Amino acid sequence: MFTAPCQTDTRITQLRARRVWDSRGRPTLEAEVTLADGSTGRAMAPAGASRGSREALELRDGGTRLGGLDVTQAVAGVNGEIAALLRGMDAADQAGIDAAMIARDGTPAKARLGGNALVATSLAVLQASAAARGLPLWQHLAAGDPVSLPLPEIQIFGGGAHAGRRVDIQDFMVMPLGATSFAQALEMTAEVYGAAGALMQAAGKRQGVADEGGYWPVFAANDEALGMLVRAIEHAGLRPGRDMAISLDIAASEFGEGGRYRLGLETRELDTAQLIELLGGWLDAYPIVSIEDPLAEDDEAGMVEFTRRFGRRVQIIGDDYLVTAAARIDHAAALPACNCALIKPNQAGTVSETRAALAAARRAGWATVISARSGETEDVAIAHLAVGWNAGQLKVGSFASSERMAKWNECLRIEEALGARARFAGRTALAID
């Protein structure tokens, strides 16, 4: 039995921020909200390495100290200007609080107060509001609607900006399509992760750990990673494409601009049509069911063409191209240039904007994926967003880093709490006909 909601005084009495450290050992900030009834909420701001040009901007100090990455200005803004603004406001009015912060910042990309300051504060308010009701965050968000445990998208090999650009493709991931529960999904993926490590070690291709916990590989070509991934699935005793499928984050904006794409690993340059043909060949040769940012964010015509050709057979996710913005999703849906939206709270900047982006994707009939960032923290809020908003899919990284496992493990706790009512989204969450 879950605790029933109760009427309490949810006015904000205190907001404070502190500097903490993310999974890359870089400064970030944590916001903590206290309400009149004593309820509290805390949240941390993550940071991306691969970023869309239109996403909310982090406020960093600049200069030489800590590589210019310190957040003393952002912390001071929360403790001063934002705290004064929100004091006395009702934490239950998430939309009003977020709108007030956006207006006070006054810039399109939240550059004055910082997207990092706003997202940590917004999420902390949300957490405090759930605490005041005596509910876990996912249940607070669900508001009585049906929920499901998300289909996980779990990194096995990291590349691109997450692994020193040793491999051009940013994420080589798997999705446990044959699982019937979240617990089973993790067990199946753990077997693949272990098998991949053993195969990489035997082949002398294992170099270290990438930003999101996957193996940092040494390959001679990008598609060599795909072959190794299929072998790992088979060595784990699973059927590629049925029990376990492949998901890719191309992150094409990291190596392409103006319709030209430079594959550093293979020392060749491709135009839009050639990159589409290359990726189409991979779709034919390997059990790939999802592909993120196949073209650069400035190559909208390429995104439209890729979706026209492959959108009925594979999930096409927009990340850098969409930047968790409802207006961008509405625009892309009209073309169409995707069939799935990646949803990142810090990319939008507030909970309300994040929710609006998810709603826009649903209006379009798209699938949605709640996603972490490469610079993560132990904060598990996105696991609750994925369940409470019934997003269907969750992407947080791999198995070798505790800031990733914290989120996967939180989903296990939620599944256990739901008991007989637990439902696993599975392959039905994919945007595939």
Protein backbone atom coordinates (compact mmCIF):
# COMPACT_ATOMS: atom_id res chain seq x y z
CA MET A 1 0.00 0.00 0.00
CA PHE A 2 1.21 3.49 -0.86
CA THR A 3 0.80 6.44 1.47
CA ALA A 4 -2.28 8.49 0.60
CA PRO A 5 -1.79 12.13 -0.32
CA CYS A 6 -2.54 14.63 2.42
CA GLN A 7 -3.17 18.38 2.57
CA THR A 8 -0.07 20.27 3.74
CA ASP A 9 1.46 23.73 3.55
CA THR A 10 3.64 23.53 0.44
CA ARG A 11 4.91 27.11 0.35
CA ILE A 12 8.65 27.36 -0.25
CA THR A 13 10.44 28.67 2.84
CA GLN A 14 14.04 28.01 1.86
CA LEU A 15 16.07 27.34 -1.28
CA ARG A 16 19.79 26.80 -1.19
CA ALA A 17 22.41 25.45 -3.57
CA ARG A 18 25.83 23.91 -3.07
CA ARG A 19 28.65 22.85 -5.33
CA VAL A 20 28.93 19.09 -5.79
CA TRP A 21 30.84 16.91 -8.29
CA ASP A 22 29.66 14.89 -11.27
CA SER A 23 30.78 11.53 -12.68
CA ARG A 24 33.64 13.14 -14.64
CA GLY A 25 34.99 14.83 -11.50
CA ARG A 26 33.74 18.25 -12.64
CA PRO A 27 31.82 20.78 -10.59
CA THR A 28 28.06 20.89 -10.78
CA LEU A 29 25.38 22.13 -8.41
CA GLU A 30 22.74 20.67 -6.17
CA ALA A 31 19.61 22.59 -5.16
CA GLU A 32 17.68 21.87 -1.97
CA VAL A 33 14.15 23.12 -1.31
CA THR A 34 12.39 23.23 2.07
CA LEU A 35 8.63 23.74 2.40
CA ALA A 36 6.57 25.23 5.23
CA ASP A 37 5.47 21.75 6.34
CA GLY A 38 9.11 20.60 6.63
CA SER A 39 9.15 18.58 3.41
CA THR A 40 12.36 18.77 1.40
CA GLY A 41 13.52 18.02 -2.09
CA ARG A 42 17.01 17.85 -3.62
CA ALA A 43 18.25 17.60 -7.18
CA MET A 44 21.53 17.81 -9.09
CA ALA A 45 22.28 19.19 -12.53
CA PRO A 46 23.99 16.82 -15.01
CA ALA A 47 26.15 17.98 -17.94
CA GLY A 48 26.53 16.77 -21.51
CA ALA A 49 29.65 16.37 -23.65
CA SER A 50 27.80 16.12 -26.95
CA ARG A 51 25.35 19.05 -26.99
CA GLY A 52 22.83 20.54 -29.34
CA SER A 53 23.44 24.17 -30.22
CA ARG A 54 19.94 25.19 -29.10
CA GLU A 55 19.85 23.53 -25.67
CA ALA A 56 19.81 25.39 -22.35
CA LEU A 57 23.25 26.74 -21.49
CA GLU A 58 25.12 25.92 -18.32
CA LEU A 59 26.50 28.84 -16.34
CA ARG A 60 30.20 28.20 -15.72
CA ASP A 61 32.69 30.60 -14.16
CA GLY A 62 35.26 30.55 -16.93
CA GLY A 63 38.88 31.48 -16.33
CA THR A 64 41.63 28.99 -15.47
CA ARG A 65 40.46 27.61 -12.12
CA LEU A 66 39.08 24.07 -12.47
CA GLY A 67 39.41 24.43 -16.20
CA GLY A 68 36.88 27.26 -16.20
CA LEU A 69 34.15 24.82 -15.19
CA ASP A 70 33.39 25.96 -11.65
CA VAL A 71 29.80 26.87 -10.80
CA THR A 72 30.18 29.48 -8.05
CA GLN A 73 28.13 32.02 -10.08
CA ALA A 74 25.32 29.53 -10.66
CA VAL A 75 25.30 28.56 -6.97
CA ALA A 76 25.21 32.22 -5.94
CA GLY A 77 22.31 32.84 -8.31
CA VAL A 78 20.25 30.07 -6.72
CA ASN A 79 21.08 31.20 -3.18
CA GLY A 80 20.35 34.83 -3.96
CA GLU A 81 18.13 35.88 -6.85
CA ILE A 82 16.26 32.61 -7.44
CA ALA A 83 15.71 31.94 -3.71
CA ALA A 84 14.24 35.43 -3.26
CA LEU A 85 12.01 34.93 -6.27
CA LEU A 86 10.59 31.57 -5.16
CA ARG A 87 10.29 32.16 -1.41
CA GLY A 88 6.59 31.97 -0.50
CA MET A 89 5.54 30.37 -3.79
CA ASP A 90 3.57 27.12 -3.74
CA ALA A 91 5.72 24.12 -4.69
CA ALA A 92 2.57 22.43 -6.00
CA ASP A 93 2.47 25.06 -8.76
CA GLN A 94 5.32 23.61 -10.82
CA ALA A 95 4.31 25.47 -13.98
CA GLY A 96 4.13 28.80 -12.16
CA ILE A 97 7.51 28.33 -10.50
CA ASP A 98 9.20 27.31 -13.76
CA ALA A 99 7.61 30.22 -15.64
CA ALA A 100 8.81 32.66 -12.97
CA MET A 101 12.40 31.40 -13.26
CA ILE A 102 12.33 31.51 -17.05
CA ALA A 103 11.01 35.08 -17.00
CA ARG A 104 13.57 36.19 -14.43
CA ASP A 105 16.43 34.74 -16.48
CA GLY A 106 15.12 36.59 -19.53
CA THR A 107 17.34 34.93 -22.15
CA PRO A 108 16.36 32.37 -24.83
CA ALA A 109 18.90 29.78 -23.67
CA LYS A 110 18.82 30.50 -19.89
CA ALA A 111 22.32 31.90 -20.16
CA ARG A 112 22.05 34.56 -17.44
CA LEU A 113 21.09 32.39 -14.44
CA GLY A 114 22.17 29.15 -16.12
CA GLY A 115 20.25 26.13 -17.33
CA ASN A 116 22.10 24.12 -14.68
CA ALA A 117 20.77 26.37 -11.90
CA LEU A 118 17.23 26.28 -13.25
CA VAL A 119 16.99 22.53 -13.86
CA ALA A 120 18.37 21.63 -10.42
CA THR A 121 15.96 24.05 -8.76
CA SER A 122 12.98 22.93 -10.83
CA LEU A 123 13.61 19.26 -10.07
CA ALA A 124 14.17 20.00 -6.36
CA VAL A 125 10.79 21.75 -6.22
CA LEU A 126 9.20 18.72 -7.87
CA GLN A 127 10.82 16.39 -5.34
CA ALA A 128 9.64 18.53 -2.43
CA SER A 129 6.10 18.58 -3.76
CA ALA A 130 6.07 14.77 -3.97
CA ALA A 131 7.51 14.52 -0.45
CA ALA A 132 4.76 16.80 0.88
CA ARG A 133 2.17 14.38 -0.50
CA GLY A 134 3.98 11.39 1.00
CA LEU A 135 4.38 9.82 -2.41
CA PRO A 136 7.34 8.48 -4.37
CA LEU A 137 8.14 10.80 -7.23
CA TRP A 138 6.93 8.46 -9.96
CA GLN A 139 3.52 8.12 -8.32
CA HIS A 140 3.25 11.87 -7.79
CA LEU A 141 3.90 12.36 -11.50
CA ALA A 142 1.53 9.61 -12.63
CA ALA A 143 -1.43 11.24 -10.87
CA GLY A 144 -3.35 7.96 -11.00
CA ASP A 145 -2.67 7.20 -14.67
CA PRO A 146 -1.28 3.78 -15.72
CA VAL A 147 2.50 3.44 -15.72
CA SER A 148 5.07 1.01 -17.09
CA LEU A 149 8.70 0.20 -16.43
CA PRO A 150 10.72 1.50 -19.37
CA LEU A 151 12.57 -0.52 -21.97
CA PRO A 152 16.23 0.21 -21.17
CA GLU A 153 18.76 1.34 -23.77
CA ILE A 154 22.13 0.33 -22.33
CA GLN A 155 25.57 1.23 -23.65
CA ILE A 156 28.09 -1.55 -24.30
CA PHE A 157 30.73 0.41 -26.28
CA GLY A 158 31.30 4.16 -25.94
CA GLY A 159 32.75 6.31 -28.70
CA GLY A 160 32.65 9.83 -30.07
CA ALA A 161 32.81 12.57 -27.46
CA HIS A 162 32.32 9.96 -24.72
CA ALA A 163 35.56 8.08 -25.47
CA GLY A 164 38.18 10.40 -26.91
CA ARG A 165 36.65 10.07 -30.40
CA ARG A 166 38.52 6.77 -30.86
CA VAL A 167 35.39 5.53 -32.61
CA ASP A 168 33.24 7.99 -34.56
CA ILE A 169 29.87 6.60 -33.45
CA GLN A 170 29.04 7.82 -29.95
CA ASP A 171 27.04 4.95 -28.44
CA PHE A 172 26.76 1.28 -29.33
CA MET A 173 23.89 0.04 -27.18
CA VAL A 174 21.55 -2.90 -26.72
CA MET A 175 17.83 -3.17 -26.01
CA PRO A 176 16.49 -6.37 -24.37
CA LEU A 177 13.41 -6.90 -26.56
CA GLY A 178 12.82 -10.41 -25.25
CA ALA A 179 12.57 -9.41 -21.59
CA THR A 180 9.24 -9.60 -19.80
CA SER A 181 10.24 -7.51 -16.76
CA PHE A 182 12.71 -4.77 -15.96
CA ALA A 183 14.62 -7.13 -13.68
CA GLN A 184 15.00 -9.63 -16.50
CA ALA A 185 16.01 -6.84 -18.90
CA LEU A 186 18.96 -5.93 -16.68
CA GLU A 187 19.96 -9.56 -16.20
CA MET A 188 20.01 -10.17 -19.95
CA THR A 189 22.02 -7.01 -20.57
CA ALA A 190 24.51 -7.89 -17.84
CA GLU A 191 25.21 -11.15 -19.66
CA VAL A 192 25.86 -9.26 -22.92
CA TYR A 193 28.06 -6.70 -21.15
CA GLY A 194 30.14 -9.46 -19.59
CA ALA A 195 30.43 -11.35 -22.86
CA ALA A 196 31.50 -8.19 -24.71
CA GLY A 197 34.23 -7.54 -22.17
CA ALA A 198 35.57 -11.07 -22.46
CA LEU A 199 35.56 -10.96 -26.26
CA MET A 200 37.24 -7.55 -26.31
CA GLN A 201 39.90 -8.74 -23.88
CA ALA A 202 40.60 -11.84 -25.92
CA ALA A 203 40.90 -9.79 -29.12
CA GLY A 204 43.14 -7.14 -27.51
CA LYS A 205 40.61 -4.39 -28.22
CA ARG A 206 39.69 -3.37 -24.67
CA GLN A 207 41.17 -0.02 -23.65
CA GLY A 208 39.22 1.29 -20.69
CA VAL A 209 35.87 2.72 -19.62
CA ALA A 210 34.05 5.49 -21.51
CA ASP A 211 32.18 8.40 -19.90
CA GLU A 212 28.91 6.48 -19.59
CA GLY A 213 30.39 3.22 -18.28
CA GLY A 214 30.65 1.23 -21.50
CA TYR A 215 33.89 -0.22 -22.82
CA TRP A 216 36.30 2.21 -24.47
CA PRO A 217 37.11 0.16 -27.55
CA VAL A 218 39.95 -0.04 -30.05
CA PHE A 219 38.49 -0.84 -33.48
CA ALA A 220 39.82 -0.39 -37.01
CA ALA A 221 36.39 0.55 -38.40
CA ASN A 222 33.06 1.69 -36.98
CA ASP A 223 31.16 -1.38 -38.17
CA GLU A 224 33.70 -3.66 -36.46
CA ALA A 225 32.00 -2.62 -33.21
CA LEU A 226 28.67 -3.80 -34.61
CA GLY A 227 30.08 -7.21 -35.45
CA MET A 228 31.58 -7.52 -31.98
CA LEU A 229 28.24 -6.55 -30.45
CA VAL A 230 26.40 -9.27 -32.37
CA ARG A 231 29.00 -11.80 -31.22
CA ALA A 232 28.55 -10.66 -27.60
CA ILE A 233 24.78 -11.16 -27.84
CA GLU A 234 25.30 -14.66 -29.22
CA HIS A 235 27.94 -15.54 -26.60
CA ALA A 236 25.43 -14.52 -23.94
CA GLY A 237 23.11 -17.22 -25.29
CA LEU A 238 20.65 -14.72 -26.78
CA ARG A 239 19.18 -14.32 -30.27
CA PRO A 240 20.26 -11.09 -32.02
CA GLY A 241 17.26 -9.07 -33.11
CA ARG A 242 14.76 -11.14 -31.10
CA ASP A 243 16.00 -11.41 -27.53
CA MET A 244 18.46 -8.53 -27.80
CA ALA A 245 18.72 -5.83 -30.47
CA ILE A 246 21.19 -3.03 -31.21
CA SER A 247 20.62 0.69 -30.72
CA LEU A 248 23.00 3.39 -32.00
CA ASP A 249 23.60 7.02 -31.15
CA ILE A 250 25.41 8.34 -34.21
CA ALA A 251 25.69 11.88 -32.78
CA ALA A 252 26.42 13.03 -36.32
CA SER A 253 26.69 16.70 -35.31
CA GLU A 254 29.97 15.78 -33.62
CA PHE A 255 31.64 14.91 -36.94
CA GLY A 256 29.45 16.64 -39.53
CA GLU A 257 28.41 20.12 -40.60
CA GLY A 258 26.99 21.64 -43.74
CA GLY A 259 26.14 18.26 -45.25
CA ARG A 260 29.73 16.95 -44.97
CA TYR A 261 30.73 14.20 -42.55
CA ARG A 262 34.30 13.34 -41.58
CA LEU A 263 34.83 9.79 -40.26
CA GLY A 264 38.17 10.16 -38.52
CA LEU A 265 38.54 6.46 -37.70
CA GLU A 266 38.32 5.53 -41.36
CA THR A 267 39.88 8.75 -42.72
CA ARG A 268 37.11 9.44 -45.21
CA GLU A 269 34.58 12.16 -45.86
CA LEU A 270 30.96 11.54 -46.85
CA ASP A 271 28.13 13.75 -48.02
CA THR A 272 24.58 13.41 -46.73
CA ALA A 273 23.53 10.84 -49.33
CA GLN A 274 26.63 8.72 -48.70
CA LEU A 275 26.13 8.74 -44.92
CA ILE A 276 22.50 7.69 -45.38
CA GLU A 277 23.64 4.83 -47.63
CA LEU A 278 26.27 3.77 -45.09
CA LEU A 279 23.78 3.69 -42.23
CA GLY A 280 21.19 1.99 -44.42
CA GLY A 281 23.71 -0.76 -45.12
CA TRP A 282 24.22 -1.23 -41.39
CA LEU A 283 20.46 -1.52 -40.91
CA ASP A 284 20.43 -4.30 -43.52
CA ALA A 285 23.42 -6.13 -42.06
CA TYR A 286 22.84 -5.89 -38.30
CA PRO A 287 19.84 -6.22 -35.91
CA ILE A 288 19.48 -2.46 -35.33
CA VAL A 289 16.09 -1.26 -34.09
CA SER A 290 16.89 2.31 -33.01
CA ILE A 291 19.20 5.03 -34.31
CA GLU A 292 19.73 8.47 -32.76
CA ASP A 293 20.82 11.63 -34.59
CA PRO A 294 21.76 9.82 -37.84
CA LEU A 295 22.42 13.22 -39.48
CA ALA A 296 23.72 16.47 -38.03
CA GLU A 297 21.37 18.95 -36.37
CA ASP A 298 21.83 21.39 -39.29
CA ASP A 299 21.03 18.70 -41.90
CA GLU A 300 17.25 18.76 -41.71
CA ALA A 301 16.84 17.60 -45.30
CA GLY A 302 18.98 14.60 -44.45
CA MET A 303 16.87 13.79 -41.39
CA VAL A 304 13.72 13.97 -43.52
CA GLU A 305 15.20 11.70 -46.18
CA PHE A 306 16.47 9.19 -43.64
CA THR A 307 13.04 9.08 -42.00
CA ARG A 308 11.32 8.68 -45.39
CA ARG A 309 13.50 5.72 -46.27
CA PHE A 310 13.79 3.92 -42.94
CA GLY A 311 11.17 5.32 -40.57
CA ARG A 312 8.83 2.31 -40.86
CA ARG A 313 11.51 -0.23 -39.94
CA VAL A 314 13.65 1.53 -37.32
CA GLN A 315 13.18 4.02 -34.50
CA ILE A 316 14.75 7.37 -35.47
CA ILE A 317 15.49 9.51 -32.43
CA GLY A 318 16.08 13.25 -32.47
CA ASP A 319 18.43 14.61 -29.80
CA ASP A 320 20.70 17.48 -30.87
CA TYR A 321 18.17 18.18 -33.62
CA LEU A 322 15.22 18.52 -31.20
CA VAL A 323 16.89 19.59 -27.89
CA THR A 324 13.84 18.61 -25.81
CA ALA A 325 11.90 21.60 -27.18
CA ALA A 326 8.17 21.26 -27.86
CA ALA A 327 8.30 23.74 -30.76
CA ARG A 328 11.17 21.86 -32.41
CA ILE A 329 9.29 18.57 -32.04
CA ASP A 330 6.12 20.08 -33.55
CA HIS A 331 8.19 21.35 -36.49
CA ALA A 332 9.96 18.03 -37.05
CA ALA A 333 6.72 16.05 -36.79
CA ALA A 334 5.18 18.09 -39.61
CA LEU A 335 7.97 17.12 -42.03
CA PRO A 336 8.46 14.35 -40.67
CA ALA A 337 12.12 14.23 -39.67
CA CYS A 338 12.03 11.67 -36.81
CA ASN A 339 9.64 9.27 -35.12
CA CYS A 340 10.98 9.45 -31.56
CA ALA A 341 12.18 12.20 -29.21
CA LEU A 342 15.00 12.01 -26.68
CA ILE A 343 13.89 13.81 -23.53
CA LYS A 344 16.59 15.42 -21.34
CA PRO A 345 15.49 17.72 -18.50
CA ASN A 346 18.71 19.75 -18.44
CA GLN A 347 18.49 20.23 -22.20
CA ALA A 348 15.11 21.94 -21.74
CA GLY A 349 15.99 23.64 -18.45
CA THR A 350 12.86 23.06 -16.36
CA VAL A 351 10.45 20.25 -15.52
CA SER A 352 7.55 22.04 -17.22
CA GLU A 353 9.41 22.46 -20.51
CA THR A 354 10.54 18.84 -20.35
CA ARG A 355 6.95 17.70 -19.88
CA ALA A 356 5.79 19.91 -22.74
CA ALA A 357 8.34 18.30 -25.07
CA LEU A 358 7.17 14.84 -24.10
CA ALA A 359 3.54 15.89 -24.69
CA ALA A 360 4.45 17.25 -28.14
CA ALA A 361 6.06 13.93 -29.07
CA ARG A 362 2.95 12.08 -27.97
CA ARG A 363 0.70 14.37 -30.04
CA ALA A 364 2.82 13.43 -33.03
CA GLY A 365 2.38 9.72 -32.31
CA TRP A 366 6.09 9.37 -31.57
CA ALA A 367 7.87 7.22 -29.04
CA THR A 368 9.85 8.90 -26.23
CA VAL A 369 13.11 8.13 -24.42
CA ILE A 370 14.01 9.75 -21.09
CA SER A 371 17.78 10.23 -21.12
CA ALA A 372 20.70 10.94 -18.80
CA ARG A 373 23.81 12.91 -19.78
CA SER A 374 27.45 11.87 -20.06
CA GLY A 375 28.37 13.94 -17.01
CA GLU A 376 25.96 12.41 -14.50
CA THR A 377 25.34 12.33 -10.76
CA GLU A 378 23.79 9.92 -8.29
CA ASP A 379 20.44 11.72 -8.69
CA VAL A 380 17.78 9.18 -9.75
CA ALA A 381 14.97 11.55 -10.70
CA ILE A 382 14.96 10.57 -14.38
CA ALA A 383 14.09 6.97 -13.46
CA HIS A 384 10.96 8.33 -11.82
CA LEU A 385 10.22 10.58 -14.80
CA ALA A 386 10.44 7.58 -17.13
CA VAL A 387 7.97 5.58 -15.03
CA GLY A 388 5.67 8.35 -13.81
CA TRP A 389 5.27 9.89 -17.26
CA ASN A 390 5.02 6.41 -18.83
CA ALA A 391 7.71 7.40 -21.32
CA GLY A 392 8.32 3.83 -22.48
CA GLN A 393 12.12 3.97 -22.78
CA LEU A 394 15.08 5.01 -20.61
CA LYS A 395 18.71 5.67 -21.60
CA VAL A 396 21.24 6.26 -18.82
CA GLY A 397 24.50 4.58 -19.88
CA SER A 398 26.10 1.28 -19.01
CA PHE A 399 26.89 -1.15 -16.18
CA ALA A 400 30.31 -0.05 -14.97
CA SER A 401 29.56 3.25 -13.26
CA SER A 402 27.54 3.69 -10.09
CA GLU A 403 25.88 6.95 -11.23
CA ARG A 404 24.34 4.86 -14.05
CA MET A 405 23.50 1.83 -11.96
CA ALA A 406 21.79 4.07 -9.39
CA LYS A 407 19.11 4.81 -11.98
CA TRP A 408 18.75 1.23 -13.21
CA ASN A 409 18.53 0.03 -9.59
CA GLU A 410 15.89 2.66 -8.80
CA CYS A 411 13.72 1.18 -11.56
CA LEU A 412 14.09 -2.22 -9.88
CA ARG A 413 12.81 -0.71 -6.61
CA ILE A 414 9.85 0.84 -8.41
CA GLU A 415 9.05 -2.46 -10.12
CA GLU A 416 9.16 -4.21 -6.75
CA ALA A 417 6.91 -1.54 -5.19
CA LEU A 418 4.35 -2.00 -7.95
CA GLY A 419 4.31 -5.75 -7.35
CA ALA A 420 1.54 -7.48 -9.27
CA ARG A 421 0.63 -4.18 -10.93
CA ALA A 422 4.06 -3.84 -12.54
CA ARG A 423 4.03 -3.72 -16.34
CA PHE A 424 7.15 -3.72 -18.52
CA ALA A 425 6.96 -1.67 -21.71
CA GLY A 426 9.23 -4.01 -23.68
CA ARG A 427 9.39 -3.91 -27.47
CA THR A 428 5.98 -2.19 -27.70
CA ALA A 429 7.69 1.03 -26.60
CA LEU A 430 9.63 1.24 -29.87
CA ALA A 431 8.56 3.53 -32.73
CA ILE A 432 8.44 0.71 -35.27
CA ASP A 433 5.46 -0.41 -37.35
